[in-house]
Amino acid sequence: MENELIVNVYKFMGNDLLSGRTSDDGSPSAESLRKHVLDNWDKYERISILLDNVTQMTRPFQDEAFAKLLEGHSLDEFNQKIHFPDAKENTVKELNTAFKIRQKIIQSKKEREGEKGDQLGL
């Protein structure tokens, strides 16, 4: 396993205003950024996400690119693997909010699936 992958979000996206979840024309999107991180998850001990030169990230972008990583990894695993070394305080707060919302969505989904299992007698 290699030591560290550095993902420069500005260079990856080719834009400083990051919005939306997906791209219809095949250009980089929040979804493709998340997939890039996931493709490299087991190859690196640490993944550093650089946000230098990013002017704005919308909540849907933050959710799709970063918070959805919690669907396959615990918060502890995420915190051990993913680092935002140059994130400004406001960005950290926004990301934390996106993570909390995604965790509620994940918990809600688990509870609904549990209720379905109960209804089916599983």
PDB file of N, CA and C in Angstrom:
ATOM      1  N   MET A   1       0.846  -1.177   0.000  1.00  0.00           N
ATOM      2  CA  MET A   1       0.000   0.000   0.000  1.00  0.00           C
ATOM      3  C   MET A   1       0.893   1.242   0.000  1.00  0.00           C
ATOM      4  N   GLU A   2       0.572   2.149  -0.877  1.00  0.00           N
ATOM      5  CA  GLU A   2       1.355   3.384  -0.947  1.00  0.00           C
ATOM      6  C   GLU A   2       0.931   4.325   0.167  1.00  0.00           C
ATOM      7  N   ASN A   3       1.788   5.310   0.446  1.00  0.00           N
ATOM      8  CA  ASN A   3       1.575   6.180   1.580  1.00  0.00           C
ATOM      9  C   ASN A   3       0.416   7.160   1.410  1.00  0.00           C
ATOM     10  N   GLU A   4       0.468   8.007   0.360  1.00  0.00           N
ATOM     11  CA  GLU A   4      -0.526   9.072   0.274  1.00  0.00           C
ATOM     12  C   GLU A   4      -0.900   9.411  -1.163  1.00  0.00           C
ATOM     13  N   LEU A   5      -2.185   9.572  -1.379  1.00  0.00           N
ATOM     14  CA  LEU A   5      -2.710  10.093  -2.636  1.00  0.00           C
ATOM     15  C   LEU A   5      -3.135  11.529  -2.364  1.00  0.00           C
ATOM     16  N   ILE A   6      -2.700  12.427  -3.205  1.00  0.00           N
ATOM     17  CA  ILE A   6      -3.104  13.829  -3.086  1.00  0.00           C
ATOM     18  C   ILE A   6      -4.046  14.139  -4.236  1.00  0.00           C
ATOM     19  N   VAL A   7      -5.265  14.561  -3.890  1.00  0.00           N
ATOM     20  CA  VAL A   7      -6.267  14.907  -4.888  1.00  0.00           C
ATOM     21  C   VAL A   7      -6.489  16.408  -4.819  1.00  0.00           C
ATOM     22  N   ASN A   8      -6.048  17.105  -5.853  1.00  0.00           N
ATOM     23  CA  ASN A   8      -6.279  18.539  -5.957  1.00  0.00           C
ATOM     24  C   ASN A   8      -7.633  18.721  -6.636  1.00  0.00           C
ATOM     25  N   VAL A   9      -8.628  19.113  -5.851  1.00  0.00           N
ATOM     26  CA  VAL A   9     -10.002  19.165  -6.350  1.00  0.00           C
ATOM     27  C   VAL A   9     -10.136  20.172  -7.490  1.00  0.00           C
ATOM     28  N   TYR A  10      -9.473  21.295  -7.388  1.00  0.00           N
ATOM     29  CA  TYR A  10      -9.538  22.311  -8.452  1.00  0.00           C
ATOM     30  C   TYR A  10      -9.017  21.741  -9.768  1.00  0.00           C
ATOM     31  N   LYS A  11      -7.878  21.062  -9.718  1.00  0.00           N
ATOM     32  CA  LYS A  11      -7.317  20.475 -10.936  1.00  0.00           C
ATOM     33  C   LYS A  11      -8.175  19.318 -11.438  1.00  0.00           C
ATOM     34  N   PHE A  12      -8.687  18.499 -10.526  1.00  0.00           N
ATOM     35  CA  PHE A  12      -9.524  17.365 -10.909  1.00  0.00           C
ATOM     36  C   PHE A  12     -10.792  17.847 -11.611  1.00  0.00           C
ATOM     37  N   MET A  13     -11.421  18.860 -11.040  1.00  0.00           N
ATOM     38  CA  MET A  13     -12.691  19.357 -11.564  1.00  0.00           C
ATOM     39  C   MET A  13     -12.513  20.340 -12.714  1.00  0.00           C
ATOM     40  N   GLY A  14     -11.388  21.051 -12.731  1.00  0.00           N
ATOM     41  CA  GLY A  14     -11.172  22.057 -13.765  1.00  0.00           C
ATOM     42  C   GLY A  14     -12.045  23.281 -13.574  1.00  0.00           C
ATOM     43  N   ASN A  15     -12.435  23.522 -12.310  1.00  0.00           N
ATOM     44  CA  ASN A  15     -13.349  24.617 -12.026  1.00  0.00           C
ATOM     45  C   ASN A  15     -13.197  25.003 -10.564  1.00  0.00           C
ATOM     46  N   ASP A  16     -13.487  26.259 -10.243  1.00  0.00           N
ATOM     47  CA  ASP A  16     -13.403  26.684  -8.841  1.00  0.00           C
ATOM     48  C   ASP A  16     -14.774  26.814  -8.185  1.00  0.00           C
ATOM     49  N   LEU A  17     -15.845  26.736  -8.975  1.00  0.00           N
ATOM     50  CA  LEU A  17     -17.212  26.769  -8.462  1.00  0.00           C
ATOM     51  C   LEU A  17     -17.816  25.379  -8.636  1.00  0.00           C
ATOM     52  N   LEU A  18     -17.950  24.655  -7.549  1.00  0.00           N
ATOM     53  CA  LEU A  18     -18.327  23.248  -7.618  1.00  0.00           C
ATOM     54  C   LEU A  18     -19.774  23.070  -7.180  1.00  0.00           C
ATOM     55  N   SER A  19     -20.576  22.553  -8.101  1.00  0.00           N
ATOM     56  CA  SER A  19     -21.991  22.358  -7.786  1.00  0.00           C
ATOM     57  C   SER A  19     -22.502  21.106  -8.465  1.00  0.00           C
ATOM     58  N   GLY A  20     -23.647  20.651  -7.995  1.00  0.00           N
ATOM     59  CA  GLY A  20     -24.284  19.488  -8.598  1.00  0.00           C
ATOM     60  C   GLY A  20     -23.672  18.179  -8.154  1.00  0.00           C
ATOM     61  N   ARG A  21     -24.284  17.117  -8.604  1.00  0.00           N
ATOM     62  CA  ARG A  21     -23.864  15.774  -8.224  1.00  0.00           C
ATOM     63  C   ARG A  21     -23.215  15.013  -9.374  1.00  0.00           C
ATOM     64  N   THR A  22     -23.827  15.121 -10.549  1.00  0.00           N
ATOM     65  CA  THR A  22     -23.371  14.335 -11.700  1.00  0.00           C
ATOM     66  C   THR A  22     -23.186  15.251 -12.899  1.00  0.00           C
ATOM     67  N   SER A  23     -22.687  14.663 -13.967  1.00  0.00           N
ATOM     68  CA  SER A  23     -22.473  15.401 -15.202  1.00  0.00           C
ATOM     69  C   SER A  23     -23.072  14.605 -16.352  1.00  0.00           C
ATOM     70  N   ASP A  24     -23.848  15.274 -17.182  1.00  0.00           N
ATOM     71  CA  ASP A  24     -24.452  14.598 -18.328  1.00  0.00           C
ATOM     72  C   ASP A  24     -23.486  14.462 -19.503  1.00  0.00           C
ATOM     73  N   ASP A  25     -22.482  15.335 -19.542  1.00  0.00           N
ATOM     74  CA  ASP A  25     -21.583  15.353 -20.694  1.00  0.00           C
ATOM     75  C   ASP A  25     -20.250  14.635 -20.457  1.00  0.00           C
ATOM     76  N   GLY A  26     -20.135  13.940 -19.329  1.00  0.00           N
ATOM     77  CA  GLY A  26     -18.910  13.195 -19.062  1.00  0.00           C
ATOM     78  C   GLY A  26     -17.799  14.012 -18.432  1.00  0.00           C
ATOM     79  N   SER A  27     -18.033  15.301 -18.196  1.00  0.00           N
ATOM     80  CA  SER A  27     -17.018  16.117 -17.544  1.00  0.00           C
ATOM     81  C   SER A  27     -16.952  15.743 -16.061  1.00  0.00           C
ATOM     82  N   PRO A  28     -15.866  16.099 -15.390  1.00  0.00           N
ATOM     83  CA  PRO A  28     -15.727  15.748 -13.975  1.00  0.00           C
ATOM     84  C   PRO A  28     -16.904  16.265 -13.149  1.00  0.00           C
ATOM     85  N   SER A  29     -17.304  15.455 -12.176  1.00  0.00           N
ATOM     86  CA  SER A  29     -18.439  15.794 -11.326  1.00  0.00           C
ATOM     87  C   SER A  29     -18.143  15.347  -9.900  1.00  0.00           C
ATOM     88  N   ALA A  30     -19.040  15.696  -8.993  1.00  0.00           N
ATOM     89  CA  ALA A  30     -18.907  15.231  -7.610  1.00  0.00           C
ATOM     90  C   ALA A  30     -18.894  13.701  -7.570  1.00  0.00           C
ATOM     91  N   GLU A  31     -19.736  13.095  -8.386  1.00  0.00           N
ATOM     92  CA  GLU A  31     -19.796  11.638  -8.449  1.00  0.00           C
ATOM     93  C   GLU A  31     -18.465  11.043  -8.932  1.00  0.00           C
ATOM     94  N   SER A  32     -17.877  11.622  -9.969  1.00  0.00           N
ATOM     95  CA  SER A  32     -16.606  11.081 -10.481  1.00  0.00           C
ATOM     96  C   SER A  32     -15.472  11.310  -9.480  1.00  0.00           C
ATOM     97  N   LEU A  33     -15.538  12.398  -8.723  1.00  0.00           N
ATOM     98  CA  LEU A  33     -14.538  12.640  -7.682  1.00  0.00           C
ATOM     99  C   LEU A  33     -14.667  11.575  -6.588  1.00  0.00           C
ATOM    100  N   ARG A  34     -15.895  11.292  -6.150  1.00  0.00           N
ATOM    101  CA  ARG A  34     -16.119  10.255  -5.136  1.00  0.00           C
ATOM    102  C   ARG A  34     -15.630   8.901  -5.643  1.00  0.00           C
ATOM    103  N   LYS A  35     -15.943   8.580  -6.886  1.00  0.00           N
ATOM    104  CA  LYS A  35     -15.506   7.298  -7.454  1.00  0.00           C
ATOM    105  C   LYS A  35     -13.977   7.217  -7.526  1.00  0.00           C
ATOM    106  N   HIS A  36     -13.321   8.330  -7.835  1.00  0.00           N
ATOM    107  CA  HIS A  36     -11.856   8.362  -7.867  1.00  0.00           C
ATOM    108  C   HIS A  36     -11.289   8.054  -6.480  1.00  0.00           C
ATOM    109  N   VAL A  37     -11.873   8.660  -5.461  1.00  0.00           N
ATOM    110  CA  VAL A  37     -11.430   8.400  -4.086  1.00  0.00           C
ATOM    111  C   VAL A  37     -11.666   6.927  -3.741  1.00  0.00           C
ATOM    112  N   LEU A  38     -12.846   6.409  -4.062  1.00  0.00           N
ATOM    113  CA  LEU A  38     -13.147   5.010  -3.751  1.00  0.00           C
ATOM    114  C   LEU A  38     -12.236   4.041  -4.506  1.00  0.00           C
ATOM    115  N   ASP A  39     -11.933   4.358  -5.765  1.00  0.00           N
ATOM    116  CA  ASP A  39     -11.037   3.507  -6.554  1.00  0.00           C
ATOM    117  C   ASP A  39      -9.649   3.414  -5.929  1.00  0.00           C
ATOM    118  N   ASN A  40      -9.280   4.430  -5.180  1.00  0.00           N
ATOM    119  CA  ASN A  40      -7.946   4.475  -4.578  1.00  0.00           C
ATOM    120  C   ASN A  40      -7.944   4.205  -3.074  1.00  0.00           C
ATOM    121  N   TRP A  41      -9.100   3.951  -2.500  1.00  0.00           N
ATOM    122  CA  TRP A  41      -9.241   3.797  -1.051  1.00  0.00           C
ATOM    123  C   TRP A  41      -8.274   2.742  -0.489  1.00  0.00           C
ATOM    124  N   ASP A  42      -8.232   1.586  -1.094  1.00  0.00           N
ATOM    125  CA  ASP A  42      -7.405   0.493  -0.579  1.00  0.00           C
ATOM    126  C   ASP A  42      -5.959   0.547  -1.057  1.00  0.00           C
ATOM    127  N   LYS A  43      -5.646   1.471  -1.945  1.00  0.00           N
ATOM    128  CA  LYS A  43      -4.294   1.567  -2.491  1.00  0.00           C
ATOM    129  C   LYS A  43      -3.393   2.484  -1.668  1.00  0.00           C
ATOM    130  N   TYR A  44      -4.006   3.343  -0.845  1.00  0.00           N
ATOM    131  CA  TYR A  44      -3.244   4.357  -0.103  1.00  0.00           C
ATOM    132  C   TYR A  44      -3.629   4.351   1.367  1.00  0.00           C
ATOM    133  N   GLU A  45      -2.630   4.621   2.213  1.00  0.00           N
ATOM    134  CA  GLU A  45      -2.888   4.737   3.645  1.00  0.00           C
ATOM    135  C   GLU A  45      -3.675   6.005   3.950  1.00  0.00           C
ATOM    136  N   ARG A  46      -3.434   7.037   3.162  1.00  0.00           N
ATOM    137  CA  ARG A  46      -4.026   8.347   3.418  1.00  0.00           C
ATOM    138  C   ARG A  46      -4.397   8.990   2.082  1.00  0.00           C
ATOM    139  N   ILE A  47      -5.544   9.671   2.068  1.00  0.00           N
ATOM    140  CA  ILE A  47      -5.950  10.426   0.883  1.00  0.00           C
ATOM    141  C   ILE A  47      -6.166  11.868   1.323  1.00  0.00           C
ATOM    142  N   SER A  48      -5.348  12.753   0.788  1.00  0.00           N
ATOM    143  CA  SER A  48      -5.453  14.171   1.119  1.00  0.00           C
ATOM    144  C   SER A  48      -6.215  14.882   0.012  1.00  0.00           C
ATOM    145  N   ILE A  49      -7.258  15.574   0.409  1.00  0.00           N
ATOM    146  CA  ILE A  49      -8.112  16.313  -0.510  1.00  0.00           C
ATOM    147  C   ILE A  49      -7.739  17.787  -0.403  1.00  0.00           C
ATOM    148  N   LEU A  50      -7.135  18.325  -1.452  1.00  0.00           N
ATOM    149  CA  LEU A  50      -6.732  19.734  -1.453  1.00  0.00           C
ATOM    150  C   LEU A  50      -7.843  20.583  -2.051  1.00  0.00           C
ATOM    151  N   LEU A  51      -8.203  21.619  -1.335  1.00  0.00           N
ATOM    152  CA  LEU A  51      -9.286  22.498  -1.761  1.00  0.00           C
ATOM    153  C   LEU A  51      -8.783  23.887  -2.147  1.00  0.00           C
ATOM    154  N   ASP A  52      -7.476  24.027  -2.257  1.00  0.00           N
ATOM    155  CA  ASP A  52      -6.883  25.302  -2.660  1.00  0.00           C
ATOM    156  C   ASP A  52      -7.450  25.721  -4.015  1.00  0.00           C
ATOM    157  N   ASN A  53      -7.781  26.972  -4.159  1.00  0.00           N
ATOM    158  CA  ASN A  53      -8.344  27.564  -5.383  1.00  0.00           C
ATOM    159  C   ASN A  53      -9.808  27.216  -5.612  1.00  0.00           C
ATOM    160  N   VAL A  54     -10.429  26.445  -4.720  1.00  0.00           N
ATOM    161  CA  VAL A  54     -11.867  26.195  -4.821  1.00  0.00           C
ATOM    162  C   VAL A  54     -12.569  27.357  -4.135  1.00  0.00           C
ATOM    163  N   THR A  55     -13.396  28.056  -4.891  1.00  0.00           N
ATOM    164  CA  THR A  55     -14.085  29.232  -4.363  1.00  0.00           C
ATOM    165  C   THR A  55     -15.351  28.843  -3.621  1.00  0.00           C
ATOM    166  N   GLN A  56     -16.093  27.871  -4.177  1.00  0.00           N
ATOM    167  CA  GLN A  56     -17.363  27.490  -3.578  1.00  0.00           C
ATOM    168  C   GLN A  56     -17.695  26.043  -3.892  1.00  0.00           C
ATOM    169  N   MET A  57     -18.285  25.359  -2.896  1.00  0.00           N
ATOM    170  CA  MET A  57     -18.823  24.005  -3.078  1.00  0.00           C
ATOM    171  C   MET A  57     -20.243  24.014  -2.539  1.00  0.00           C
ATOM    172  N   THR A  58     -21.187  23.604  -3.343  1.00  0.00           N
ATOM    173  CA  THR A  58     -22.568  23.544  -2.868  1.00  0.00           C
ATOM    174  C   THR A  58     -22.756  22.315  -1.979  1.00  0.00           C
ATOM    175  N   ARG A  59     -23.807  22.320  -1.195  1.00  0.00           N
ATOM    176  CA  ARG A  59     -24.109  21.189  -0.318  1.00  0.00           C
ATOM    177  C   ARG A  59     -24.308  19.907  -1.126  1.00  0.00           C
ATOM    178  N   PRO A  60     -25.046  19.923  -2.253  1.00  0.00           N
ATOM    179  CA  PRO A  60     -25.169  18.680  -3.031  1.00  0.00           C
ATOM    180  C   PRO A  60     -23.809  18.151  -3.498  1.00  0.00           C
ATOM    181  N   PHE A  61     -22.905  19.042  -3.883  1.00  0.00           N
ATOM    182  CA  PHE A  61     -21.572  18.613  -4.294  1.00  0.00           C
ATOM    183  C   PHE A  61     -20.850  17.962  -3.115  1.00  0.00           C
ATOM    184  N   GLN A  62     -20.876  18.618  -1.960  1.00  0.00           N
ATOM    185  CA  GLN A  62     -20.211  18.082  -0.769  1.00  0.00           C
ATOM    186  C   GLN A  62     -20.768  16.711  -0.395  1.00  0.00           C
ATOM    187  N   ASP A  63     -22.082  16.585  -0.490  1.00  0.00           N
ATOM    188  CA  ASP A  63     -22.714  15.318  -0.147  1.00  0.00           C
ATOM    189  C   ASP A  63     -22.279  14.215  -1.099  1.00  0.00           C
ATOM    190  N   GLU A  64     -22.375  14.489  -2.387  1.00  0.00           N
ATOM    191  CA  GLU A  64     -22.062  13.469  -3.395  1.00  0.00           C
ATOM    192  C   GLU A  64     -20.586  13.093  -3.377  1.00  0.00           C
ATOM    193  N   ALA A  65     -19.713  14.082  -3.323  1.00  0.00           N
ATOM    194  CA  ALA A  65     -18.272  13.828  -3.428  1.00  0.00           C
ATOM    195  C   ALA A  65     -17.685  13.226  -2.155  1.00  0.00           C
ATOM    196  N   PHE A  66     -18.131  13.711  -1.008  1.00  0.00           N
ATOM    197  CA  PHE A  66     -17.458  13.332   0.237  1.00  0.00           C
ATOM    198  C   PHE A  66     -18.357  12.600   1.233  1.00  0.00           C
ATOM    199  N   ALA A  67     -19.539  13.138   1.531  1.00  0.00           N
ATOM    200  CA  ALA A  67     -20.384  12.538   2.567  1.00  0.00           C
ATOM    201  C   ALA A  67     -20.867  11.139   2.171  1.00  0.00           C
ATOM    202  N   LYS A  68     -21.116  10.915   0.892  1.00  0.00           N
ATOM    203  CA  LYS A  68     -21.569   9.588   0.462  1.00  0.00           C
ATOM    204  C   LYS A  68     -20.501   8.505   0.661  1.00  0.00           C
ATOM    205  N   LEU A  69     -19.275   8.902   0.922  1.00  0.00           N
ATOM    206  CA  LEU A  69     -18.244   7.916   1.243  1.00  0.00           C
ATOM    207  C   LEU A  69     -18.598   7.172   2.528  1.00  0.00           C
ATOM    208  N   LEU A  70     -19.435   7.795   3.362  1.00  0.00           N
ATOM    209  CA  LEU A  70     -19.847   7.170   4.626  1.00  0.00           C
ATOM    210  C   LEU A  70     -20.816   6.010   4.399  1.00  0.00           C
ATOM    211  N   GLU A  71     -21.337   5.860   3.195  1.00  0.00           N
ATOM    212  CA  GLU A  71     -22.236   4.743   2.912  1.00  0.00           C
ATOM    213  C   GLU A  71     -21.500   3.412   2.898  1.00  0.00           C
ATOM    214  N   GLY A  72     -20.204   3.452   2.630  1.00  0.00           N
ATOM    215  CA  GLY A  72     -19.431   2.210   2.591  1.00  0.00           C
ATOM    216  C   GLY A  72     -18.332   2.142   3.628  1.00  0.00           C
ATOM    217  N   HIS A  73     -18.179   3.215   4.396  1.00  0.00           N
ATOM    218  CA  HIS A  73     -17.105   3.277   5.390  1.00  0.00           C
ATOM    219  C   HIS A  73     -17.613   4.008   6.627  1.00  0.00           C
ATOM    220  N   SER A  74     -17.171   3.556   7.778  1.00  0.00           N
ATOM    221  CA  SER A  74     -17.579   4.211   9.014  1.00  0.00           C
ATOM    222  C   SER A  74     -16.931   5.594   9.111  1.00  0.00           C
ATOM    223  N   LEU A  75     -17.453   6.412  10.007  1.00  0.00           N
ATOM    224  CA  LEU A  75     -16.878   7.737  10.222  1.00  0.00           C
ATOM    225  C   LEU A  75     -15.432   7.622  10.703  1.00  0.00           C
ATOM    226  N   ASP A  76     -15.153   6.631  11.543  1.00  0.00           N
ATOM    227  CA  ASP A  76     -13.773   6.422  12.010  1.00  0.00           C
ATOM    228  C   ASP A  76     -12.843   6.074  10.850  1.00  0.00           C
ATOM    229  N   GLU A  77     -13.295   5.170   9.977  1.00  0.00           N
ATOM    230  CA  GLU A  77     -12.480   4.816   8.802  1.00  0.00           C
ATOM    231  C   GLU A  77     -12.247   6.046   7.929  1.00  0.00           C
ATOM    232  N   PHE A  78     -13.305   6.816   7.724  1.00  0.00           N
ATOM    233  CA  PHE A  78     -13.212   8.037   6.925  1.00  0.00           C
ATOM    234  C   PHE A  78     -12.179   8.985   7.531  1.00  0.00           C
ATOM    235  N   ASN A  79     -12.279   9.217   8.839  1.00  0.00           N
ATOM    236  CA  ASN A  79     -11.375  10.160   9.502  1.00  0.00           C
ATOM    237  C   ASN A  79      -9.925   9.693   9.502  1.00  0.00           C
ATOM    238  N   GLN A  80      -9.712   8.385   9.484  1.00  0.00           N
ATOM    239  CA  GLN A  80      -8.343   7.862   9.426  1.00  0.00           C
ATOM    240  C   GLN A  80      -7.765   7.962   8.014  1.00  0.00           C
ATOM    241  N   LYS A  81      -8.628   7.886   7.009  1.00  0.00           N
ATOM    242  CA  LYS A  81      -8.171   7.831   5.617  1.00  0.00           C
ATOM    243  C   LYS A  81      -8.145   9.199   4.936  1.00  0.00           C
ATOM    244  N   ILE A  82      -9.211   9.973   5.095  1.00  0.00           N
ATOM    245  CA  ILE A  82      -9.399  11.202   4.335  1.00  0.00           C
ATOM    246  C   ILE A  82      -8.980  12.417   5.156  1.00  0.00           C
ATOM    247  N   HIS A  83      -8.207  13.288   4.518  1.00  0.00           N
ATOM    248  CA  HIS A  83      -7.737  14.504   5.188  1.00  0.00           C
ATOM    249  C   HIS A  83      -7.963  15.698   4.264  1.00  0.00           C
ATOM    250  N   PHE A  84      -8.323  16.799   4.870  1.00  0.00           N
ATOM    251  CA  PHE A  84      -8.524  18.060   4.159  1.00  0.00           C
ATOM    252  C   PHE A  84      -7.523  19.071   4.737  1.00  0.00           C
ATOM    253  N   PRO A  85      -6.242  18.948   4.386  1.00  0.00           N
ATOM    254  CA  PRO A  85      -5.206  19.729   5.072  1.00  0.00           C
ATOM    255  C   PRO A  85      -5.299  21.243   4.888  1.00  0.00           C
ATOM    256  N   ASP A  86      -5.873  21.709   3.796  1.00  0.00           N
ATOM    257  CA  ASP A  86      -5.909  23.152   3.566  1.00  0.00           C
ATOM    258  C   ASP A  86      -7.321  23.733   3.641  1.00  0.00           C
ATOM    259  N   ALA A  87      -8.254  22.964   4.196  1.00  0.00           N
ATOM    260  CA  ALA A  87      -9.639  23.433   4.268  1.00  0.00           C
ATOM    261  C   ALA A  87      -9.757  24.578   5.269  1.00  0.00           C
ATOM    262  N   LYS A  88     -10.448  25.586   4.862  1.00  0.00           N
ATOM    263  CA  LYS A  88     -10.695  26.733   5.729  1.00  0.00           C
ATOM    264  C   LYS A  88     -11.772  26.361   6.746  1.00  0.00           C
ATOM    265  N   GLU A  89     -11.817  27.096   7.848  1.00  0.00           N
ATOM    266  CA  GLU A  89     -12.741  26.795   8.950  1.00  0.00           C
ATOM    267  C   GLU A  89     -14.193  26.706   8.476  1.00  0.00           C
ATOM    268  N   ASN A  90     -14.602  27.628   7.627  1.00  0.00           N
ATOM    269  CA  ASN A  90     -15.976  27.629   7.134  1.00  0.00           C
ATOM    270  C   ASN A  90     -16.267  26.376   6.299  1.00  0.00           C
ATOM    271  N   THR A  91     -15.309  25.965   5.494  1.00  0.00           N
ATOM    272  CA  THR A  91     -15.471  24.762   4.681  1.00  0.00           C
ATOM    273  C   THR A  91     -15.584  23.532   5.563  1.00  0.00           C
ATOM    274  N   VAL A  92     -14.780  23.471   6.619  1.00  0.00           N
ATOM    275  CA  VAL A  92     -14.840  22.337   7.547  1.00  0.00           C
ATOM    276  C   VAL A  92     -16.228  22.264   8.183  1.00  0.00           C
ATOM    277  N   LYS A  93     -16.772  23.399   8.580  1.00  0.00           N
ATOM    278  CA  LYS A  93     -18.116  23.424   9.168  1.00  0.00           C
ATOM    279  C   LYS A  93     -19.159  22.931   8.173  1.00  0.00           C
ATOM    280  N   GLU A  94     -19.057  23.391   6.925  1.00  0.00           N
ATOM    281  CA  GLU A  94     -20.002  22.963   5.892  1.00  0.00           C
ATOM    282  C   GLU A  94     -19.895  21.461   5.634  1.00  0.00           C
ATOM    283  N   LEU A  95     -18.672  20.952   5.573  1.00  0.00           N
ATOM    284  CA  LEU A  95     -18.475  19.521   5.358  1.00  0.00           C
ATOM    285  C   LEU A  95     -19.034  18.719   6.528  1.00  0.00           C
ATOM    286  N   ASN A  96     -18.792  19.184   7.748  1.00  0.00           N
ATOM    287  CA  ASN A  96     -19.316  18.487   8.921  1.00  0.00           C
ATOM    288  C   ASN A  96     -20.838  18.419   8.883  1.00  0.00           C
ATOM    289  N   THR A  97     -21.472  19.503   8.451  1.00  0.00           N
ATOM    290  CA  THR A  97     -22.926  19.510   8.324  1.00  0.00           C
ATOM    291  C   THR A  97     -23.370  18.489   7.281  1.00  0.00           C
ATOM    292  N   ALA A  98     -22.682  18.452   6.148  1.00  0.00           N
ATOM    293  CA  ALA A  98     -23.012  17.483   5.093  1.00  0.00           C
ATOM    294  C   ALA A  98     -22.859  16.049   5.606  1.00  0.00           C
ATOM    295  N   PHE A  99     -21.815  15.787   6.400  1.00  0.00           N
ATOM    296  CA  PHE A  99     -21.600  14.446   6.947  1.00  0.00           C
ATOM    297  C   PHE A  99     -22.709  14.074   7.933  1.00  0.00           C
ATOM    298  N   LYS A 100     -23.110  15.021   8.769  1.00  0.00           N
ATOM    299  CA  LYS A 100     -24.170  14.743   9.742  1.00  0.00           C
ATOM    300  C   LYS A 100     -25.487  14.427   9.037  1.00  0.00           C
ATOM    301  N   ILE A 101     -25.804  15.187   8.005  1.00  0.00           N
ATOM    302  CA  ILE A 101     -27.032  14.930   7.249  1.00  0.00           C
ATOM    303  C   ILE A 101     -26.971  13.551   6.588  1.00  0.00           C
ATOM    304  N   ARG A 102     -25.831  13.225   5.983  1.00  0.00           N
ATOM    305  CA  ARG A 102     -25.687  11.921   5.324  1.00  0.00           C
ATOM    306  C   ARG A 102     -25.796  10.793   6.348  1.00  0.00           C
ATOM    307  N   GLN A 103     -25.230  10.961   7.538  1.00  0.00           N
ATOM    308  CA  GLN A 103     -25.330   9.934   8.572  1.00  0.00           C
ATOM    309  C   GLN A 103     -26.794   9.720   8.980  1.00  0.00           C
ATOM    310  N   LYS A 104     -27.569  10.798   9.047  1.00  0.00           N
ATOM    311  CA  LYS A 104     -28.994  10.673   9.376  1.00  0.00           C
ATOM    312  C   LYS A 104     -29.728   9.918   8.269  1.00  0.00           C
ATOM    313  N   ILE A 105     -29.374  10.199   7.022  1.00  0.00           N
ATOM    314  CA  ILE A 105     -29.982   9.496   5.888  1.00  0.00           C
ATOM    315  C   ILE A 105     -29.653   8.006   5.951  1.00  0.00           C
ATOM    316  N   ILE A 106     -28.407   7.678   6.244  1.00  0.00           N
ATOM    317  CA  ILE A 106     -27.974   6.280   6.335  1.00  0.00           C
ATOM    318  C   ILE A 106     -28.711   5.581   7.475  1.00  0.00           C
ATOM    319  N   GLN A 107     -28.801   6.240   8.626  1.00  0.00           N
ATOM    320  CA  GLN A 107     -29.484   5.656   9.781  1.00  0.00           C
ATOM    321  C   GLN A 107     -30.963   5.436   9.487  1.00  0.00           C
ATOM    322  N   SER A 108     -31.572   6.407   8.864  1.00  0.00           N
ATOM    323  CA  SER A 108     -32.990   6.319   8.504  1.00  0.00           C
ATOM    324  C   SER A 108     -33.236   5.143   7.558  1.00  0.00           C
ATOM    325  N   LYS A 109     -32.349   4.991   6.597  1.00  0.00           N
ATOM    326  CA  LYS A 109     -32.469   3.890   5.632  1.00  0.00           C
ATOM    327  C   LYS A 109     -32.343   2.539   6.342  1.00  0.00           C
ATOM    328  N   LYS A 110     -31.398   2.437   7.284  1.00  0.00           N
ATOM    329  CA  LYS A 110     -31.227   1.189   8.033  1.00  0.00           C
ATOM    330  C   LYS A 110     -32.475   0.875   8.852  1.00  0.00           C
ATOM    331  N   GLU A 111     -33.045   1.912   9.456  1.00  0.00           N
ATOM    332  CA  GLU A 111     -34.247   1.704  10.255  1.00  0.00           C
ATOM    333  C   GLU A 111     -35.409   1.254   9.382  1.00  0.00           C
ATOM    334  N   ARG A 112     -35.567   1.867   8.215  1.00  0.00           N
ATOM    335  CA  ARG A 112     -36.639   1.457   7.293  1.00  0.00           C
ATOM    336  C   ARG A 112     -36.437   0.014   6.839  1.00  0.00           C
ATOM    337  N   GLU A 113     -35.197  -0.349   6.530  1.00  0.00           N
ATOM    338  CA  GLU A 113     -34.928  -1.721   6.102  1.00  0.00           C
ATOM    339  C   GLU A 113     -35.210  -2.701   7.227  1.00  0.00           C
ATOM    340  N   GLY A 114     -34.906  -2.300   8.461  1.00  0.00           N
ATOM    341  CA  GLY A 114     -35.200  -3.139   9.617  1.00  0.00           C
ATOM    342  C   GLY A 114     -36.692  -3.325   9.794  1.00  0.00           C
ATOM    343  N   GLU A 115     -37.470  -2.283   9.589  1.00  0.00           N
ATOM    344  CA  GLU A 115     -38.920  -2.364   9.703  1.00  0.00           C
ATOM    345  C   GLU A 115     -39.489  -3.274   8.619  1.00  0.00           C
ATOM    346  N   LYS A 116     -38.952  -3.190   7.401  1.00  0.00           N
ATOM    347  CA  LYS A 116     -39.415  -4.073   6.325  1.00  0.00           C
ATOM    348  C   LYS A 116     -39.152  -5.523   6.678  1.00  0.00           C
ATOM    349  N   GLY A 117     -37.964  -5.778   7.255  1.00  0.00           N
ATOM    350  CA  GLY A 117     -37.614  -7.140   7.663  1.00  0.00           C
ATOM    351  C   GLY A 117     -38.572  -7.641   8.737  1.00  0.00           C
ATOM    352  N   ASP A 118     -38.930  -6.758   9.688  1.00  0.00           N
ATOM    353  CA  ASP A 118     -39.877  -7.139  10.734  1.00  0.00           C
ATOM    354  C   ASP A 118     -41.242  -7.460  10.149  1.00  0.00           C
ATOM    355  N   GLN A 119     -41.666  -6.657   9.182  1.00  0.00           N
ATOM    356  CA  GLN A 119     -42.975  -6.865   8.560  1.00  0.00           C
ATOM    357  C   GLN A 119     -43.007  -8.180   7.788  1.00  0.00           C
ATOM    358  N   LEU A 120     -41.884  -8.568   7.243  1.00  0.00           N
ATOM    359  CA  LEU A 120     -41.816  -9.819   6.470  1.00  0.00           C
ATOM    360  C   LEU A 120     -41.557 -11.032   7.366  1.00  0.00           C
ATOM    361  N   GLY A 121     -41.374 -10.761   8.655  1.00  0.00           N
ATOM    362  CA  GLY A 121     -41.116 -11.854   9.590  1.00  0.00           C
ATOM    363  C   GLY A 121     -39.694 -12.361   9.524  1.00  0.00           C
ATOM    364  N   LEU A 122     -38.776 -11.510   9.107  1.00  0.00           N
ATOM    365  CA  LEU A 122     -37.362 -11.917   9.013  1.00  0.00           C
ATOM    366  C   LEU A 122     -36.631 -11.653  10.305  1.00  0.00           C
TER     367      LEU A 122
END
